Amino acid sequence: MESIIVKHLRPTYEPVAVVWSDSIPDDAIQYKTGKFGCILYLFANASRRGKVSGGSRETVVCPGGRAAMGFGVGLDSSEEDFAHYTAIFSKGLQSAFDKSAFQAHLEAAPPKWRDLYAFGERRHCSPELAGEWIRRGLPRYDISQKFVLFKPLSLATAEDNVKAVIFAVNPIELAGLVTLAGSVLPGTDPVQVPQGADCNTLGAFAYAQEESDSPRAVLGMLGVDGREMMQKRFNSDTLTITLTLSLFRLMEKEADNCVLQLPSWKKLVGESGKVNKART
């Protein structure tokens, strides 16, 4: 898929289309059935390596990743699960309603996960607020398609069921995209910055924006876990901005006559190109 935005923006990394599909290419990157893996790495493979990646309900076992892609929300499928995740999303053992049960989970967890159980993610100051986010803040989707693909935008076609386009951007590229998005949208708030796991900014929150009266872009990779992944695979200042398909199309129509043609923009891009080289 050719993009006018990409032609003028010249982003460091390949934009990625989020595609709902009933099939997945034979050579696509995905996790083995039942093996735990973060979907942020699937996105990174598409953006950095140009490889189609994706997953299904069978290959995405992380509850947050499943919710992000649209494979249902299991965080509150039982009262036990709900209590567990309210503690994880807030202050870990300190926030657990049943501390002895949570302590047993902590001791049984793999060593690399024990800090998560002990301290929590601190996304919420209390388990009550974490529970409110799980039940009312997180967009809920259980799509009919079998797979969600992360497909390099250059490989996407008109036949693909594209739901969003993700740009991995540095601050200058982000400035250009936010300005362009704001130029085609009413009001003064063209970007949503949602609280929650970074994987959800790649899918679920963008899906929800598409259903709104004036879909906004979604800013991501502001969480500690997301930053760790981005700094291992991208330049350390990289964020993501996810555009719903309808917003992407509006921006495409404007991209030949927008901020990206300003002399000041071209100067910034030139300066960025000298100092912001992609990691190999």
C-alpha atoms as a PDB file:
ATOM      1  CA  MET A   1       0.000   0.000   0.000  1.00  0.00           C
ATOM      2  CA  GLU A   2       1.545   3.293  -1.052  1.00  0.00           C
ATOM      3  CA  SER A   3       1.145   6.115   1.457  1.00  0.00           C
ATOM      4  CA  ILE A   4       1.413   9.848   0.833  1.00  0.00           C
ATOM      5  CA  ILE A   5       2.065  10.358   4.545  1.00  0.00           C
ATOM      6  CA  VAL A   6       5.025   7.982   4.419  1.00  0.00           C
ATOM      7  CA  LYS A   7       6.368   9.653   1.261  1.00  0.00           C
ATOM      8  CA  HIS A   8       6.592  13.023   3.016  1.00  0.00           C
ATOM      9  CA  LEU A   9       7.220  11.914   6.603  1.00  0.00           C
ATOM     10  CA  ARG A  10      10.045   9.524   5.699  1.00  0.00           C
ATOM     11  CA  PRO A  11       9.773   7.730   9.051  1.00  0.00           C
ATOM     12  CA  THR A  12      12.719   5.859  10.484  1.00  0.00           C
ATOM     13  CA  TYR A  13      10.649   2.694  10.850  1.00  0.00           C
ATOM     14  CA  GLU A  14       8.087   0.963   8.668  1.00  0.00           C
ATOM     15  CA  PRO A  15       4.468   1.767   9.585  1.00  0.00           C
ATOM     16  CA  VAL A  16       2.400  -1.312  10.379  1.00  0.00           C
ATOM     17  CA  ALA A  17      -1.183  -2.137   9.401  1.00  0.00           C
ATOM     18  CA  VAL A  18      -3.364  -3.970  11.934  1.00  0.00           C
ATOM     19  CA  VAL A  19      -5.362  -6.494   9.916  1.00  0.00           C
ATOM     20  CA  TRP A  20      -8.249  -8.727  10.979  1.00  0.00           C
ATOM     21  CA  SER A  21      -8.032 -11.940   8.985  1.00  0.00           C
ATOM     22  CA  ASP A  22      -9.272 -15.514   8.784  1.00  0.00           C
ATOM     23  CA  SER A  23      -5.875 -16.712   7.579  1.00  0.00           C
ATOM     24  CA  ILE A  24      -2.204 -16.061   8.264  1.00  0.00           C
ATOM     25  CA  PRO A  25       0.676 -16.391   5.789  1.00  0.00           C
ATOM     26  CA  ASP A  26       2.714 -19.585   6.134  1.00  0.00           C
ATOM     27  CA  ASP A  27       5.900 -17.593   6.735  1.00  0.00           C
ATOM     28  CA  ALA A  28       4.376 -15.164   9.247  1.00  0.00           C
ATOM     29  CA  ILE A  29       5.972 -14.848  12.665  1.00  0.00           C
ATOM     30  CA  GLN A  30       3.781 -16.068  15.509  1.00  0.00           C
ATOM     31  CA  TYR A  31       4.211 -17.793  18.848  1.00  0.00           C
ATOM     32  CA  LYS A  32       3.785 -21.516  19.241  1.00  0.00           C
ATOM     33  CA  THR A  33       0.441 -22.611  20.641  1.00  0.00           C
ATOM     34  CA  GLY A  34       0.399 -22.194  24.394  1.00  0.00           C
ATOM     35  CA  LYS A  35       3.763 -20.391  24.614  1.00  0.00           C
ATOM     36  CA  PHE A  36       3.713 -17.069  26.436  1.00  0.00           C
ATOM     37  CA  GLY A  37       4.877 -14.089  24.395  1.00  0.00           C
ATOM     38  CA  CYS A  38       4.256 -10.347  24.231  1.00  0.00           C
ATOM     39  CA  ILE A  39       2.535  -8.953  21.152  1.00  0.00           C
ATOM     40  CA  LEU A  40       4.821  -5.909  21.273  1.00  0.00           C
ATOM     41  CA  TYR A  41       7.552  -8.146  19.873  1.00  0.00           C
ATOM     42  CA  LEU A  42       5.254  -9.187  17.015  1.00  0.00           C
ATOM     43  CA  PHE A  43       4.707  -5.522  16.194  1.00  0.00           C
ATOM     44  CA  ALA A  44       8.461  -4.872  16.377  1.00  0.00           C
ATOM     45  CA  ASN A  45       9.177  -7.649  13.872  1.00  0.00           C
ATOM     46  CA  ALA A  46       6.752  -6.077  11.409  1.00  0.00           C
ATOM     47  CA  SER A  47       8.066  -2.546  11.875  1.00  0.00           C
ATOM     48  CA  ARG A  48      11.801  -3.216  12.101  1.00  0.00           C
ATOM     49  CA  ARG A  49      12.235  -6.349  10.000  1.00  0.00           C
ATOM     50  CA  GLY A  50       9.400  -5.982   7.504  1.00  0.00           C
ATOM     51  CA  LYS A  51       7.968  -9.375   8.494  1.00  0.00           C
ATOM     52  CA  VAL A  52       4.256 -10.137   8.682  1.00  0.00           C
ATOM     53  CA  SER A  53       3.491 -11.322  12.210  1.00  0.00           C
ATOM     54  CA  GLY A  54       0.365 -12.040  14.186  1.00  0.00           C
ATOM     55  CA  GLY A  55      -1.584 -14.428  16.316  1.00  0.00           C
ATOM     56  CA  SER A  56      -4.828 -16.143  17.181  1.00  0.00           C
ATOM     57  CA  ARG A  57      -6.654 -17.121  20.331  1.00  0.00           C
ATOM     58  CA  GLU A  58      -4.482 -20.240  20.434  1.00  0.00           C
ATOM     59  CA  THR A  59      -1.101 -18.521  20.050  1.00  0.00           C
ATOM     60  CA  VAL A  60      -1.660 -15.357  22.110  1.00  0.00           C
ATOM     61  CA  VAL A  61      -1.924 -16.572  25.692  1.00  0.00           C
ATOM     62  CA  CYS A  62      -1.167 -13.315  27.541  1.00  0.00           C
ATOM     63  CA  PRO A  63      -4.549 -12.013  28.813  1.00  0.00           C
ATOM     64  CA  GLY A  64      -3.554  -8.398  28.123  1.00  0.00           C
ATOM     65  CA  GLY A  65      -2.366  -9.245  24.623  1.00  0.00           C
ATOM     66  CA  ARG A  66      -5.573 -11.123  23.860  1.00  0.00           C
ATOM     67  CA  ALA A  67      -7.635  -8.146  25.005  1.00  0.00           C
ATOM     68  CA  ALA A  68      -5.457  -5.790  22.954  1.00  0.00           C
ATOM     69  CA  MET A  69      -5.872  -7.751  19.739  1.00  0.00           C
ATOM     70  CA  GLY A  70      -9.603  -8.257  20.166  1.00  0.00           C
ATOM     71  CA  PHE A  71      -9.747 -11.885  21.280  1.00  0.00           C
ATOM     72  CA  GLY A  72     -11.930 -11.245  24.316  1.00  0.00           C
ATOM     73  CA  VAL A  73     -11.228 -10.016  27.840  1.00  0.00           C
ATOM     74  CA  GLY A  74     -10.531 -12.660  30.451  1.00  0.00           C
ATOM     75  CA  LEU A  75      -9.207 -10.404  33.198  1.00  0.00           C
ATOM     76  CA  ASP A  76     -12.491 -10.697  35.112  1.00  0.00           C
ATOM     77  CA  SER A  77     -13.674 -14.111  33.931  1.00  0.00           C
ATOM     78  CA  SER A  78     -13.820 -15.173  37.590  1.00  0.00           C
ATOM     79  CA  GLU A  79     -13.688 -13.338  40.904  1.00  0.00           C
ATOM     80  CA  GLU A  80     -10.313 -14.955  41.576  1.00  0.00           C
ATOM     81  CA  ASP A  81      -8.895 -13.712  38.264  1.00  0.00           C
ATOM     82  CA  PHE A  82     -10.381 -10.274  38.821  1.00  0.00           C
ATOM     83  CA  ALA A  83      -8.794  -9.955  42.273  1.00  0.00           C
ATOM     84  CA  HIS A  84      -5.483 -11.199  40.897  1.00  0.00           C
ATOM     85  CA  TYR A  85      -5.310  -8.597  38.133  1.00  0.00           C
ATOM     86  CA  THR A  86      -6.509  -5.705  40.286  1.00  0.00           C
ATOM     87  CA  ALA A  87      -3.473  -6.406  42.476  1.00  0.00           C
ATOM     88  CA  ILE A  88      -1.096  -6.798  39.507  1.00  0.00           C
ATOM     89  CA  PHE A  89      -2.270  -3.526  37.931  1.00  0.00           C
ATOM     90  CA  SER A  90      -1.968  -1.605  41.197  1.00  0.00           C
ATOM     91  CA  LYS A  91       0.595  -2.355  43.930  1.00  0.00           C
ATOM     92  CA  GLY A  92       1.047  -6.105  43.858  1.00  0.00           C
ATOM     93  CA  LEU A  93       1.145  -7.883  47.198  1.00  0.00           C
ATOM     94  CA  GLN A  94       0.339  -4.656  49.022  1.00  0.00           C
ATOM     95  CA  SER A  95      -2.940  -4.392  47.049  1.00  0.00           C
ATOM     96  CA  ALA A  96      -3.977  -8.044  47.184  1.00  0.00           C
ATOM     97  CA  PHE A  97      -7.299  -8.735  48.904  1.00  0.00           C
ATOM     98  CA  ASP A  98      -6.129 -12.258  49.822  1.00  0.00           C
ATOM     99  CA  LYS A  99      -2.461 -11.748  50.617  1.00  0.00           C
ATOM    100  CA  SER A 100      -1.724 -15.374  51.474  1.00  0.00           C
ATOM    101  CA  ALA A 101      -3.100 -16.612  48.137  1.00  0.00           C
ATOM    102  CA  PHE A 102      -1.253 -13.877  46.251  1.00  0.00           C
ATOM    103  CA  GLN A 103       1.964 -14.681  48.133  1.00  0.00           C
ATOM    104  CA  ALA A 104       1.639 -18.294  46.999  1.00  0.00           C
ATOM    105  CA  HIS A 105       1.361 -17.120  43.371  1.00  0.00           C
ATOM    106  CA  LEU A 106       4.423 -14.918  43.898  1.00  0.00           C
ATOM    107  CA  GLU A 107       6.517 -17.790  45.241  1.00  0.00           C
ATOM    108  CA  ALA A 108       5.431 -20.093  42.392  1.00  0.00           C
ATOM    109  CA  ALA A 109       6.095 -17.539  39.664  1.00  0.00           C
ATOM    110  CA  PRO A 110       9.208 -17.688  37.461  1.00  0.00           C
ATOM    111  CA  PRO A 111      12.011 -15.588  39.013  1.00  0.00           C
ATOM    112  CA  LYS A 112      11.769 -12.885  36.334  1.00  0.00           C
ATOM    113  CA  TRP A 113       8.095 -12.278  37.218  1.00  0.00           C
ATOM    114  CA  ARG A 114       8.457 -12.070  40.991  1.00  0.00           C
ATOM    115  CA  ASP A 115       9.053  -8.321  41.091  1.00  0.00           C
ATOM    116  CA  LEU A 116       5.826  -7.878  39.109  1.00  0.00           C
ATOM    117  CA  TYR A 117       3.900  -9.843  41.729  1.00  0.00           C
ATOM    118  CA  ALA A 118       5.664  -8.157  44.617  1.00  0.00           C
ATOM    119  CA  PHE A 119       5.350  -4.548  43.477  1.00  0.00           C
ATOM    120  CA  GLY A 120       2.631  -4.587  40.798  1.00  0.00           C
ATOM    121  CA  GLU A 121       2.643  -2.414  37.692  1.00  0.00           C
ATOM    122  CA  ARG A 122       1.527   0.708  39.622  1.00  0.00           C
ATOM    123  CA  ARG A 123      -0.806   1.726  36.778  1.00  0.00           C
ATOM    124  CA  HIS A 124      -3.429   2.436  39.453  1.00  0.00           C
ATOM    125  CA  CYS A 125      -3.021   3.611  43.026  1.00  0.00           C
ATOM    126  CA  SER A 126      -5.546   1.107  44.384  1.00  0.00           C
ATOM    127  CA  PRO A 127      -7.107  -2.235  43.429  1.00  0.00           C
ATOM    128  CA  GLU A 128     -10.494  -0.503  43.340  1.00  0.00           C
ATOM    129  CA  LEU A 129      -9.359   1.859  40.583  1.00  0.00           C
ATOM    130  CA  ALA A 130      -7.682  -1.038  38.785  1.00  0.00           C
ATOM    131  CA  GLY A 131     -10.961  -2.941  38.895  1.00  0.00           C
ATOM    132  CA  GLU A 132     -12.834   0.065  37.521  1.00  0.00           C
ATOM    133  CA  TRP A 133     -10.374   0.191  34.608  1.00  0.00           C
ATOM    134  CA  ILE A 134     -10.751  -3.541  33.887  1.00  0.00           C
ATOM    135  CA  ARG A 135     -14.541  -3.438  33.839  1.00  0.00           C
ATOM    136  CA  ARG A 136     -15.222   0.020  32.391  1.00  0.00           C
ATOM    137  CA  GLY A 137     -12.019   1.512  30.999  1.00  0.00           C
ATOM    138  CA  LEU A 138     -10.612  -1.215  28.768  1.00  0.00           C
ATOM    139  CA  PRO A 139     -12.413  -1.465  25.402  1.00  0.00           C
ATOM    140  CA  ARG A 140     -13.824  -4.969  24.961  1.00  0.00           C
ATOM    141  CA  TYR A 141     -13.742  -6.817  21.666  1.00  0.00           C
ATOM    142  CA  ASP A 142     -14.250 -10.450  20.727  1.00  0.00           C
ATOM    143  CA  ILE A 143     -13.877 -10.362  16.963  1.00  0.00           C
ATOM    144  CA  SER A 144     -15.186 -13.057  14.642  1.00  0.00           C
ATOM    145  CA  GLN A 145     -11.942 -13.318  12.649  1.00  0.00           C
ATOM    146  CA  LYS A 146      -9.415 -15.957  13.652  1.00  0.00           C
ATOM    147  CA  PHE A 147      -6.238 -13.889  13.347  1.00  0.00           C
ATOM    148  CA  VAL A 148      -4.954 -10.384  13.914  1.00  0.00           C
ATOM    149  CA  LEU A 149      -1.925  -9.549  11.783  1.00  0.00           C
ATOM    150  CA  PHE A 150       0.767  -6.911  12.105  1.00  0.00           C
ATOM    151  CA  LYS A 151       1.555  -6.278   8.449  1.00  0.00           C
ATOM    152  CA  PRO A 152       4.162  -3.826   7.134  1.00  0.00           C
ATOM    153  CA  LEU A 153       2.132  -1.065   5.481  1.00  0.00           C
ATOM    154  CA  SER A 154       4.040  -1.455   2.224  1.00  0.00           C
ATOM    155  CA  LEU A 155       2.780  -5.066   2.020  1.00  0.00           C
ATOM    156  CA  ALA A 156      -0.859  -4.270   2.824  1.00  0.00           C
ATOM    157  CA  THR A 157      -3.373  -4.364  -0.029  1.00  0.00           C
ATOM    158  CA  ALA A 158      -6.866  -3.043  -0.707  1.00  0.00           C
ATOM    159  CA  GLU A 159      -8.202  -6.535   0.005  1.00  0.00           C
ATOM    160  CA  ASP A 160      -6.878  -6.543   3.565  1.00  0.00           C
ATOM    161  CA  ASN A 161      -9.308  -5.811   6.398  1.00  0.00           C
ATOM    162  CA  VAL A 162      -7.162  -3.022   7.849  1.00  0.00           C
ATOM    163  CA  LYS A 163      -8.380  -1.646  11.166  1.00  0.00           C
ATOM    164  CA  ALA A 164      -5.537   0.718  12.100  1.00  0.00           C
ATOM    165  CA  VAL A 165      -2.081   1.898  11.089  1.00  0.00           C
ATOM    166  CA  ILE A 166       0.718   2.124  13.679  1.00  0.00           C
ATOM    167  CA  PHE A 167       3.671   4.475  13.307  1.00  0.00           C
ATOM    168  CA  ALA A 168       6.776   4.013  15.466  1.00  0.00           C
ATOM    169  CA  VAL A 169       8.073   7.567  15.702  1.00  0.00           C
ATOM    170  CA  ASN A 170      10.703   9.841  17.188  1.00  0.00           C
ATOM    171  CA  PRO A 171       9.640  13.218  18.672  1.00  0.00           C
ATOM    172  CA  ILE A 172       9.987  15.074  15.364  1.00  0.00           C
ATOM    173  CA  GLU A 173       7.967  12.499  13.439  1.00  0.00           C
ATOM    174  CA  LEU A 174       5.387  12.507  16.239  1.00  0.00           C
ATOM    175  CA  ALA A 175       5.108  16.294  15.997  1.00  0.00           C
ATOM    176  CA  GLY A 176       4.398  16.061  12.279  1.00  0.00           C
ATOM    177  CA  LEU A 177       1.765  13.352  12.634  1.00  0.00           C
ATOM    178  CA  VAL A 178      -0.012  15.018  15.570  1.00  0.00           C
ATOM    179  CA  THR A 179      -0.115  18.326  13.683  1.00  0.00           C
ATOM    180  CA  LEU A 180      -1.441  16.609  10.567  1.00  0.00           C
ATOM    181  CA  ALA A 181      -4.073  14.718  12.582  1.00  0.00           C
ATOM    182  CA  GLY A 182      -5.142  17.922  14.333  1.00  0.00           C
ATOM    183  CA  SER A 183      -5.466  19.690  10.986  1.00  0.00           C
ATOM    184  CA  VAL A 184      -8.182  17.299   9.765  1.00  0.00           C
ATOM    185  CA  LEU A 185     -10.078  16.881  13.043  1.00  0.00           C
ATOM    186  CA  PRO A 186     -12.389  19.334  14.825  1.00  0.00           C
ATOM    187  CA  GLY A 187     -11.513  20.570  18.290  1.00  0.00           C
ATOM    188  CA  THR A 188      -8.197  20.738  20.097  1.00  0.00           C
ATOM    189  CA  ASP A 189      -7.546  17.158  21.207  1.00  0.00           C
ATOM    190  CA  PRO A 190      -6.524  14.928  18.266  1.00  0.00           C
ATOM    191  CA  VAL A 191      -4.706  12.331  20.383  1.00  0.00           C
ATOM    192  CA  GLN A 192      -5.879   9.961  23.106  1.00  0.00           C
ATOM    193  CA  VAL A 193      -3.286   9.023  25.726  1.00  0.00           C
ATOM    194  CA  PRO A 194      -4.953   6.084  27.492  1.00  0.00           C
ATOM    195  CA  GLN A 195      -3.904   4.499  30.750  1.00  0.00           C
ATOM    196  CA  GLY A 196      -3.162   0.800  30.461  1.00  0.00           C
ATOM    197  CA  ALA A 197      -0.725  -1.719  29.048  1.00  0.00           C
ATOM    198  CA  ASP A 198       1.079  -0.536  25.926  1.00  0.00           C
ATOM    199  CA  CYS A 199      -0.217  -3.433  23.837  1.00  0.00           C
ATOM    200  CA  ASN A 200      -3.737  -2.018  24.190  1.00  0.00           C
ATOM    201  CA  THR A 201      -2.723   1.196  22.424  1.00  0.00           C
ATOM    202  CA  LEU A 202      -1.913  -0.860  19.312  1.00  0.00           C
ATOM    203  CA  GLY A 203      -5.349  -2.452  19.071  1.00  0.00           C
ATOM    204  CA  ALA A 204      -8.280  -2.181  21.468  1.00  0.00           C
ATOM    205  CA  PHE A 205      -8.154   1.565  22.126  1.00  0.00           C
ATOM    206  CA  ALA A 206      -7.783   2.257  18.399  1.00  0.00           C
ATOM    207  CA  TYR A 207     -10.719  -0.052  17.625  1.00  0.00           C
ATOM    208  CA  ALA A 208     -12.814   1.954  20.088  1.00  0.00           C
ATOM    209  CA  GLN A 209     -11.716   5.261  18.580  1.00  0.00           C
ATOM    210  CA  GLU A 210     -12.882   4.091  15.156  1.00  0.00           C
ATOM    211  CA  GLU A 211     -16.390   3.707  16.577  1.00  0.00           C
ATOM    212  CA  SER A 212     -16.473   7.258  17.970  1.00  0.00           C
ATOM    213  CA  ASP A 213     -17.956  10.285  16.213  1.00  0.00           C
ATOM    214  CA  SER A 214     -14.523  11.840  15.652  1.00  0.00           C
ATOM    215  CA  PRO A 215     -11.811   9.136  15.821  1.00  0.00           C
ATOM    216  CA  ARG A 216      -8.554  10.313  17.365  1.00  0.00           C
ATOM    217  CA  ALA A 217      -5.031   8.944  17.175  1.00  0.00           C
ATOM    218  CA  VAL A 218      -3.781   6.834  20.101  1.00  0.00           C
ATOM    219  CA  LEU A 219      -0.368   7.495  21.659  1.00  0.00           C
ATOM    220  CA  GLY A 220       1.496   4.502  23.044  1.00  0.00           C
ATOM    221  CA  MET A 221       4.654   3.068  24.588  1.00  0.00           C
ATOM    222  CA  LEU A 222       4.530   5.271  27.675  1.00  0.00           C
ATOM    223  CA  GLY A 223       4.521   2.395  30.156  1.00  0.00           C
ATOM    224  CA  VAL A 224       7.629   0.985  31.840  1.00  0.00           C
ATOM    225  CA  ASP A 225       7.243  -2.414  30.151  1.00  0.00           C
ATOM    226  CA  GLY A 226       6.643  -0.830  26.766  1.00  0.00           C
ATOM    227  CA  ARG A 227       9.675   1.419  27.149  1.00  0.00           C
ATOM    228  CA  GLU A 228      11.854  -1.577  27.978  1.00  0.00           C
ATOM    229  CA  MET A 229      10.779  -3.323  24.781  1.00  0.00           C
ATOM    230  CA  MET A 230      11.138  -0.217  22.628  1.00  0.00           C
ATOM    231  CA  GLN A 231      14.633   0.553  23.895  1.00  0.00           C
ATOM    232  CA  LYS A 232      15.790  -2.972  23.085  1.00  0.00           C
ATOM    233  CA  ARG A 233      14.462  -2.936  19.532  1.00  0.00           C
ATOM    234  CA  PHE A 234      14.086   0.697  18.503  1.00  0.00           C
ATOM    235  CA  ASN A 235      15.852   3.956  19.192  1.00  0.00           C
ATOM    236  CA  SER A 236      15.420   4.946  22.834  1.00  0.00           C
ATOM    237  CA  ASP A 237      13.160   7.914  22.048  1.00  0.00           C
ATOM    238  CA  THR A 238      10.642   5.918  19.980  1.00  0.00           C
ATOM    239  CA  LEU A 239       6.909   6.093  20.757  1.00  0.00           C
ATOM    240  CA  THR A 240       3.945   4.748  18.822  1.00  0.00           C
ATOM    241  CA  ILE A 241       0.961   6.593  17.420  1.00  0.00           C
ATOM    242  CA  THR A 242      -1.886   4.463  16.120  1.00  0.00           C
ATOM    243  CA  LEU A 243      -4.288   5.879  13.546  1.00  0.00           C
ATOM    244  CA  THR A 244      -7.719   4.431  12.976  1.00  0.00           C
ATOM    245  CA  LEU A 245      -8.347   3.595   9.337  1.00  0.00           C
ATOM    246  CA  SER A 246     -10.785   6.471   8.849  1.00  0.00           C
ATOM    247  CA  LEU A 247      -8.348   8.983  10.401  1.00  0.00           C
ATOM    248  CA  PHE A 248      -5.483   7.576   8.327  1.00  0.00           C
ATOM    249  CA  ARG A 249      -7.540   8.128   5.168  1.00  0.00           C
ATOM    250  CA  LEU A 250      -8.369  11.719   6.152  1.00  0.00           C
ATOM    251  CA  MET A 251      -4.709  12.411   6.787  1.00  0.00           C
ATOM    252  CA  GLU A 252      -3.721  10.788   3.483  1.00  0.00           C
ATOM    253  CA  LYS A 253      -5.989  13.216   1.612  1.00  0.00           C
ATOM    254  CA  GLU A 254      -4.289  16.177   3.270  1.00  0.00           C
ATOM    255  CA  ALA A 255      -0.711  14.874   3.267  1.00  0.00           C
ATOM    256  CA  ASP A 256       0.322  16.520  -0.014  1.00  0.00           C
ATOM    257  CA  ASN A 257      -0.538  19.981   1.326  1.00  0.00           C
ATOM    258  CA  CYS A 258       0.159  20.053   5.054  1.00  0.00           C
ATOM    259  CA  VAL A 259       2.805  20.695   7.704  1.00  0.00           C
ATOM    260  CA  LEU A 260       5.070  18.154   6.006  1.00  0.00           C
ATOM    261  CA  GLN A 261       5.705  20.598   3.144  1.00  0.00           C
ATOM    262  CA  LEU A 262       6.859  23.505   5.336  1.00  0.00           C
ATOM    263  CA  PRO A 263      10.501  24.609   4.994  1.00  0.00           C
ATOM    264  CA  SER A 264      10.802  24.389   8.786  1.00  0.00           C
ATOM    265  CA  TRP A 265       9.620  20.760   8.677  1.00  0.00           C
ATOM    266  CA  LYS A 266      12.162  19.862   5.995  1.00  0.00           C
ATOM    267  CA  LYS A 267      14.892  21.401   8.106  1.00  0.00           C
ATOM    268  CA  LEU A 268      13.850  19.334  11.124  1.00  0.00           C
ATOM    269  CA  VAL A 269      13.771  16.144   9.096  1.00  0.00           C
ATOM    270  CA  GLY A 270      17.250  16.842   7.769  1.00  0.00           C
ATOM    271  CA  GLU A 271      18.621  17.409  11.254  1.00  0.00           C
ATOM    272  CA  SER A 272      16.883  14.287  12.545  1.00  0.00           C
ATOM    273  CA  GLY A 273      18.316  12.158   9.774  1.00  0.00           C
ATOM    274  CA  LYS A 274      21.860  13.002  10.862  1.00  0.00           C
ATOM    275  CA  VAL A 275      21.483  11.995  14.472  1.00  0.00           C
ATOM    276  CA  ASN A 276      18.641   9.491  14.673  1.00  0.00           C
ATOM    277  CA  LYS A 277      19.786   6.367  12.884  1.00  0.00           C
ATOM    278  CA  ALA A 278      17.808   3.151  13.273  1.00  0.00           C
ATOM    279  CA  ARG A 279      19.424   0.358  15.235  1.00  0.00           C
ATOM    280  CA  THR A 280      20.580  -2.666  13.258  1.00  0.00           C
END
